[in-house]
């Protein structure tokens, strides 16, 4: 009897030892999972804070650059040395001999950067300021007809993973017509450079209008000033501010991407731990 009782007690003690050991393992697993989840949450919070700080810095840089543009006067245009402009082939004599001109607005391409009415008015005012021709109100009164067309042909195509983009080269196209024969005597194509903020765009467009008049002056055998000659080869220079904003934007994107990767990897490692210990994901810490 005593022997059987001792055997029973030993069996009960063994079972209790197994139960206690199993409970301790489960508690240790929960503690490890909780600590790991807390560490992952801290890392994700730190990455999010870094992304927010980088984004705030990018906004501050953009605001500072805008304020600098508003406070600092545009830099003077750098003009290269004049270049010979006279055509080698003979120019129709009617262009230099004409007095009365009829200017027409032939419209603008869809992607021309300036409103066609504004372009027509500015070109008309520039011709009037020159004073070489007298502008009339009907073709019947004209020695020449100037047909103004604002063009923007596609001259390049670029692309990447984000899509395909076309690049255009806007220009004034002025067809000079003899109304008596309806023959096109000459076509003047003058580039239109428009870039920068509002004031810079207006300044570059005004220069483009001036260059169109200068090209007509050459055909009419009117000499250009050194400034007018140099303006014909003047093009915009892009500022470094755009590069600063692009680099800052890349930093923000990298910080945000780091946050997403940290959260994703943390979730994967936590799921792997729970699966390894046969713990249901719904009951796993943070699940």
Protein backbone atom coordinates (compact mmCIF):
# COMPACT_ATOMS: atom_id res chain seq x y z
CA UNK A 1 0.00 0.00 0.00
CA UNK A 2 2.73 2.45 0.96
CA UNK A 3 4.66 1.51 -2.17
CA UNK A 4 1.66 2.28 -4.39
CA UNK A 5 1.11 5.64 -2.63
CA UNK A 6 4.76 6.61 -3.16
CA UNK A 7 4.49 5.71 -6.83
CA UNK A 8 1.31 7.78 -7.20
CA UNK A 9 2.93 10.81 -5.50
CA UNK A 10 5.95 10.54 -7.76
CA UNK A 11 3.66 10.52 -10.82
CA UNK A 12 1.76 13.56 -9.54
CA UNK A 13 5.03 15.41 -8.86
CA UNK A 14 6.30 14.62 -12.35
CA UNK A 15 3.10 15.91 -13.94
CA UNK A 16 3.25 19.10 -11.85
CA UNK A 17 6.87 19.64 -12.88
CA UNK A 18 5.93 19.34 -16.57
CA UNK A 19 3.00 21.73 -16.13
CA UNK A 20 5.16 24.31 -14.32
CA UNK A 21 7.92 24.03 -16.92
CA UNK A 22 5.44 24.44 -19.80
CA UNK A 23 3.86 27.48 -18.12
CA UNK A 24 7.27 29.09 -17.64
CA UNK A 25 8.10 28.54 -21.34
CA UNK A 26 4.82 30.14 -22.43
CA UNK A 27 5.37 33.14 -20.15
CA UNK A 28 8.92 33.56 -21.42
CA UNK A 29 7.68 33.44 -25.03
CA UNK A 30 5.05 36.10 -24.32
CA UNK A 31 7.64 38.32 -22.61
CA UNK A 32 10.06 37.94 -25.56
CA UNK A 33 7.29 38.67 -28.07
CA UNK A 34 6.12 41.70 -26.11
CA UNK A 35 9.65 43.06 -25.81
CA UNK A 36 10.29 42.51 -29.49
CA UNK A 37 7.01 44.20 -30.47
CA UNK A 38 7.84 47.14 -28.21
CA UNK A 39 11.29 47.47 -29.78
CA UNK A 40 9.79 47.35 -33.26
CA UNK A 41 7.18 49.96 -32.35
CA UNK A 42 9.94 52.22 -30.99
CA UNK A 43 11.98 51.82 -34.20
CA UNK A 44 8.94 52.59 -36.34
CA UNK A 45 8.15 55.66 -34.24
CA UNK A 46 11.74 56.89 -34.61
CA UNK A 47 11.64 56.38 -38.40
CA UNK A 48 8.32 58.22 -38.63
CA UNK A 49 9.73 61.11 -36.59
CA UNK A 50 12.75 61.28 -38.88
CA UNK A 51 10.51 61.38 -41.96
CA UNK A 52 8.40 64.14 -40.43
CA UNK A 53 11.52 66.13 -39.55
CA UNK A 54 12.90 65.74 -43.09
CA UNK A 55 9.56 66.81 -44.56
CA UNK A 56 9.47 69.89 -42.31
CA UNK A 57 13.01 70.77 -43.37
CA UNK A 58 12.02 70.42 -47.04
CA UNK A 59 9.09 72.79 -46.54
CA UNK A 60 11.32 75.28 -44.73
CA UNK A 61 13.88 75.16 -47.56
CA UNK A 62 11.16 75.75 -50.18
CA UNK A 63 9.73 78.70 -48.21
CA UNK A 64 13.21 80.19 -47.75
CA UNK A 65 13.94 79.86 -51.47
CA UNK A 66 10.61 81.51 -52.37
CA UNK A 67 11.29 84.36 -49.94
CA UNK A 68 14.76 84.82 -51.42
CA UNK A 69 13.28 85.06 -54.92
CA UNK A 70 10.84 87.71 -53.70
CA UNK A 71 13.53 89.80 -51.97
CA UNK A 72 16.43 89.51 -54.41
CA UNK A 73 16.11 91.32 -57.72
CA UNK A 74 16.55 89.13 -60.83
CA UNK A 75 20.15 88.89 -61.93
CA UNK A 76 20.96 90.81 -65.11
CA UNK A 77 20.96 88.78 -68.30
CA UNK A 78 24.43 87.86 -69.46
CA UNK A 79 24.78 88.67 -73.15
CA UNK A 80 27.43 87.07 -75.36
CA UNK A 81 29.28 88.93 -78.11
CA UNK A 82 27.28 89.87 -81.25
CA UNK A 83 27.28 87.44 -84.17
CA UNK A 84 26.84 88.10 -87.91
CA UNK A 85 23.14 87.93 -88.83
CA UNK A 86 22.77 89.01 -92.45
CA UNK A 87 21.38 86.22 -94.68
CA UNK A 88 23.72 84.97 -97.40
CA UNK A 89 20.93 84.43 -99.95
CA UNK A 90 19.17 87.50 -101.44
CA UNK A 91 16.15 88.76 -99.49
CA UNK A 92 13.07 89.75 -101.50
CA UNK A 93 13.20 93.50 -102.05
CA UNK A 94 9.54 93.93 -101.05
CA UNK A 95 10.41 93.33 -97.38
CA UNK A 96 12.70 96.35 -97.17
CA UNK A 97 10.63 98.54 -99.54
CA UNK A 98 7.22 97.98 -97.93
CA UNK A 99 5.51 100.70 -95.89
CA UNK A 100 2.04 99.33 -95.08
CA UNK A 101 1.69 95.98 -93.34
CA UNK A 102 -1.38 93.97 -92.32
CA UNK A 103 -0.72 91.73 -89.27
CA UNK A 104 -2.90 88.65 -88.79
CA UNK A 105 -3.27 86.34 -85.82
CA UNK A 106 -3.08 82.75 -87.09
CA UNK A 107 -3.55 81.25 -83.63
CA UNK A 108 -1.33 79.12 -81.41
CA UNK A 109 -0.55 75.47 -80.86
CA UNK A 110 -2.24 73.88 -77.84
CA UNK A 111 0.95 73.67 -75.78
CA UNK A 112 2.26 77.17 -76.56
CA UNK A 113 3.18 78.64 -73.14
CA UNK A 114 1.52 82.07 -73.57
CA UNK A 115 -2.04 83.08 -74.42
CA UNK A 116 -2.29 83.70 -78.17
CA UNK A 117 -4.12 87.04 -77.75
CA UNK A 118 -1.44 88.33 -75.38
CA UNK A 119 1.26 87.16 -77.79
CA UNK A 120 -0.44 88.91 -80.72
CA UNK A 121 -0.89 92.15 -78.76
CA UNK A 122 2.72 92.17 -77.55
CA UNK A 123 4.11 91.53 -81.05
CA UNK A 124 1.85 94.22 -82.53
CA UNK A 125 2.97 96.73 -79.86
CA UNK A 126 6.64 95.89 -80.51
CA UNK A 127 6.25 96.49 -84.26
CA UNK A 128 4.49 99.77 -83.54
CA UNK A 129 7.30 100.80 -81.19
CA UNK A 130 9.87 100.09 -83.91
CA UNK A 131 7.97 102.38 -86.30
CA UNK A 132 9.43 101.03 -89.52
CA UNK A 133 6.08 99.85 -90.91
CA UNK A 134 2.64 101.45 -90.88
CA UNK A 135 0.03 98.89 -89.85
CA UNK A 136 -3.25 98.99 -91.73
CA UNK A 137 -6.64 97.45 -91.02
CA UNK A 138 -7.25 95.49 -94.23
CA UNK A 139 -5.16 93.35 -96.63
CA UNK A 140 -6.19 95.53 -99.56
CA UNK A 141 -4.24 98.45 -98.09
CA UNK A 142 -1.10 96.44 -97.37
CA UNK A 143 2.20 96.09 -99.20
CA UNK A 144 2.92 92.99 -97.10
CA UNK A 145 0.90 90.61 -94.94
CA UNK A 146 2.49 89.32 -91.74
CA UNK A 147 0.86 86.07 -90.58
CA UNK A 148 1.78 85.40 -86.94
CA UNK A 149 1.49 81.80 -85.73
CA UNK A 150 2.58 80.69 -82.23
CA UNK A 151 4.03 77.21 -82.64
CA UNK A 152 5.23 74.61 -80.14
CA UNK A 153 6.49 71.54 -82.03
CA UNK A 154 7.51 68.43 -80.10
CA UNK A 155 11.28 68.18 -80.38
CA UNK A 156 12.13 65.46 -77.86
CA UNK A 157 10.56 62.61 -75.91
CA UNK A 158 11.78 61.31 -72.57
CA UNK A 159 10.44 58.79 -70.11
CA UNK A 160 10.99 56.31 -67.33
CA UNK A 161 8.99 54.19 -64.95
CA UNK A 162 6.70 57.14 -64.23
CA UNK A 163 5.60 57.55 -67.86
CA UNK A 164 6.57 59.14 -71.16
CA UNK A 165 6.85 62.91 -71.53
CA UNK A 166 7.16 65.08 -74.64
CA UNK A 167 9.29 68.22 -74.79
CA UNK A 168 8.33 71.11 -77.08
CA UNK A 169 10.24 74.12 -78.46
CA UNK A 170 7.84 77.09 -78.63
CA UNK A 171 8.53 79.81 -81.18
CA UNK A 172 7.00 82.68 -83.12
CA UNK A 173 6.48 81.81 -86.79
CA UNK A 174 5.97 84.89 -88.95
CA UNK A 175 5.04 84.26 -92.59
CA UNK A 176 5.62 87.29 -94.82
CA UNK A 177 3.17 87.24 -97.74
CA UNK A 178 3.04 89.34 -100.91
CA UNK A 179 -0.70 90.21 -101.16
CA UNK A 180 -0.45 90.87 -104.91
CA UNK A 181 0.77 87.35 -105.74
CA UNK A 182 -0.15 85.55 -102.49
CA UNK A 183 3.40 84.17 -102.44
CA UNK A 184 5.20 83.57 -99.16
CA UNK A 185 8.33 85.69 -99.45
CA UNK A 186 9.94 84.62 -96.18
CA UNK A 187 9.22 82.73 -92.96
CA UNK A 188 10.81 83.97 -89.74
CA UNK A 189 11.01 81.47 -86.87
CA UNK A 190 12.07 83.02 -83.57
CA UNK A 191 12.35 80.89 -80.37
CA UNK A 192 10.24 81.74 -77.33
CA UNK A 193 11.97 81.15 -73.99
CA UNK A 194 9.64 81.16 -70.98
CA UNK A 195 10.84 79.90 -67.60
CA UNK A 196 11.05 80.81 -63.90
CA UNK A 197 8.55 82.59 -61.69
CA UNK A 198 5.91 85.06 -62.94
CA UNK A 199 8.20 88.07 -63.23
CA UNK A 200 10.98 86.02 -64.86
CA UNK A 201 8.55 84.50 -67.36
CA UNK A 202 7.31 87.97 -68.35
CA UNK A 203 10.90 89.18 -68.76
CA UNK A 204 11.90 86.24 -70.96
CA UNK A 205 8.77 86.51 -73.08
CA UNK A 206 9.39 90.23 -73.65
CA UNK A 207 12.92 89.34 -74.80
CA UNK A 208 11.48 86.73 -77.18
CA UNK A 209 9.20 89.37 -78.73
CA UNK A 210 12.17 91.73 -79.10
CA UNK A 211 14.17 88.99 -80.84
CA UNK A 212 11.36 88.45 -83.36
CA UNK A 213 11.42 92.15 -84.28
CA UNK A 214 15.23 92.01 -84.56
CA UNK A 215 15.03 89.17 -87.07
CA UNK A 216 12.58 91.17 -89.19
CA UNK A 217 14.92 94.19 -88.96
CA UNK A 218 17.72 92.07 -90.47
CA UNK A 219 15.46 91.14 -93.41
CA UNK A 220 14.50 94.80 -93.87
CA UNK A 221 18.20 95.71 -94.01
CA UNK A 222 18.01 97.71 -90.77
CA UNK A 223 21.21 97.44 -88.65
CA UNK A 224 20.93 96.07 -85.12
CA UNK A 225 22.48 97.50 -82.01
CA UNK A 226 25.08 95.41 -80.17
CA UNK A 227 22.48 94.66 -77.46
CA UNK A 228 19.90 93.50 -80.02
CA UNK A 229 22.48 91.23 -81.66
CA UNK A 230 23.53 89.73 -78.33
CA UNK A 231 19.93 89.18 -77.23
CA UNK A 232 19.41 86.80 -80.15
CA UNK A 233 21.77 84.28 -78.54
CA UNK A 234 20.67 84.81 -74.93
CA UNK A 235 18.96 81.85 -73.27
CA UNK A 236 17.73 81.23 -69.70
CA UNK A 237 20.09 79.86 -67.07
CA UNK A 238 18.45 77.56 -64.55
CA UNK A 239 19.22 78.24 -60.87
CA UNK A 240 20.59 75.75 -58.33
CA UNK A 241 17.52 76.18 -56.12
CA UNK A 242 15.70 73.51 -58.09
CA UNK A 243 18.53 71.06 -57.38
CA UNK A 244 18.34 71.78 -53.63
CA UNK A 245 14.61 71.09 -53.59
CA UNK A 246 15.05 67.88 -55.58
CA UNK A 247 17.76 66.59 -53.20
CA UNK A 248 15.61 67.47 -50.19
CA UNK A 249 12.66 65.69 -51.75
CA UNK A 250 14.76 62.58 -52.24
CA UNK A 251 15.73 62.67 -48.55
CA UNK A 252 12.08 62.89 -47.52
CA UNK A 253 11.15 60.00 -49.81
CA UNK A 254 14.01 57.90 -48.40
CA UNK A 255 12.90 58.58 -44.82
CA UNK A 256 9.30 57.63 -45.57
CA UNK A 257 10.43 54.49 -47.38
CA UNK A 258 12.59 53.56 -44.38
CA UNK A 259 9.58 53.88 -42.09
CA UNK A 260 7.47 51.58 -44.27
CA UNK A 261 10.27 49.02 -44.56
CA UNK A 262 10.87 49.01 -40.78
CA UNK A 263 7.18 48.45 -40.07
CA UNK A 264 6.92 45.73 -42.72
CA UNK A 265 10.03 43.85 -41.52
CA UNK A 266 8.95 44.18 -37.90
CA UNK A 267 5.58 42.62 -38.67
CA UNK A 268 7.21 39.78 -40.63
CA UNK A 269 9.68 38.96 -37.80
CA UNK A 270 6.90 39.00 -35.22
CA UNK A 271 4.74 36.66 -37.33
CA UNK A 272 7.70 34.30 -37.77
CA UNK A 273 8.26 34.19 -34.00
CA UNK A 274 4.62 33.39 -33.31
CA UNK A 275 4.55 30.66 -35.97
CA UNK A 276 7.74 29.11 -34.59
CA UNK A 277 6.14 28.82 -31.12
CA UNK A 278 2.72 27.68 -32.40
CA UNK A 279 1.07 30.86 -31.12
CA UNK A 280 -2.06 31.94 -33.10
CA UNK A 281 -1.42 35.25 -34.89
CA UNK A 282 -4.65 36.67 -33.48
CA UNK A 283 -3.30 36.14 -29.96
CA UNK A 284 0.27 37.21 -30.71
CA UNK A 285 1.47 40.45 -29.11
CA UNK A 286 0.54 43.35 -31.38
CA UNK A 287 -1.47 41.08 -33.71
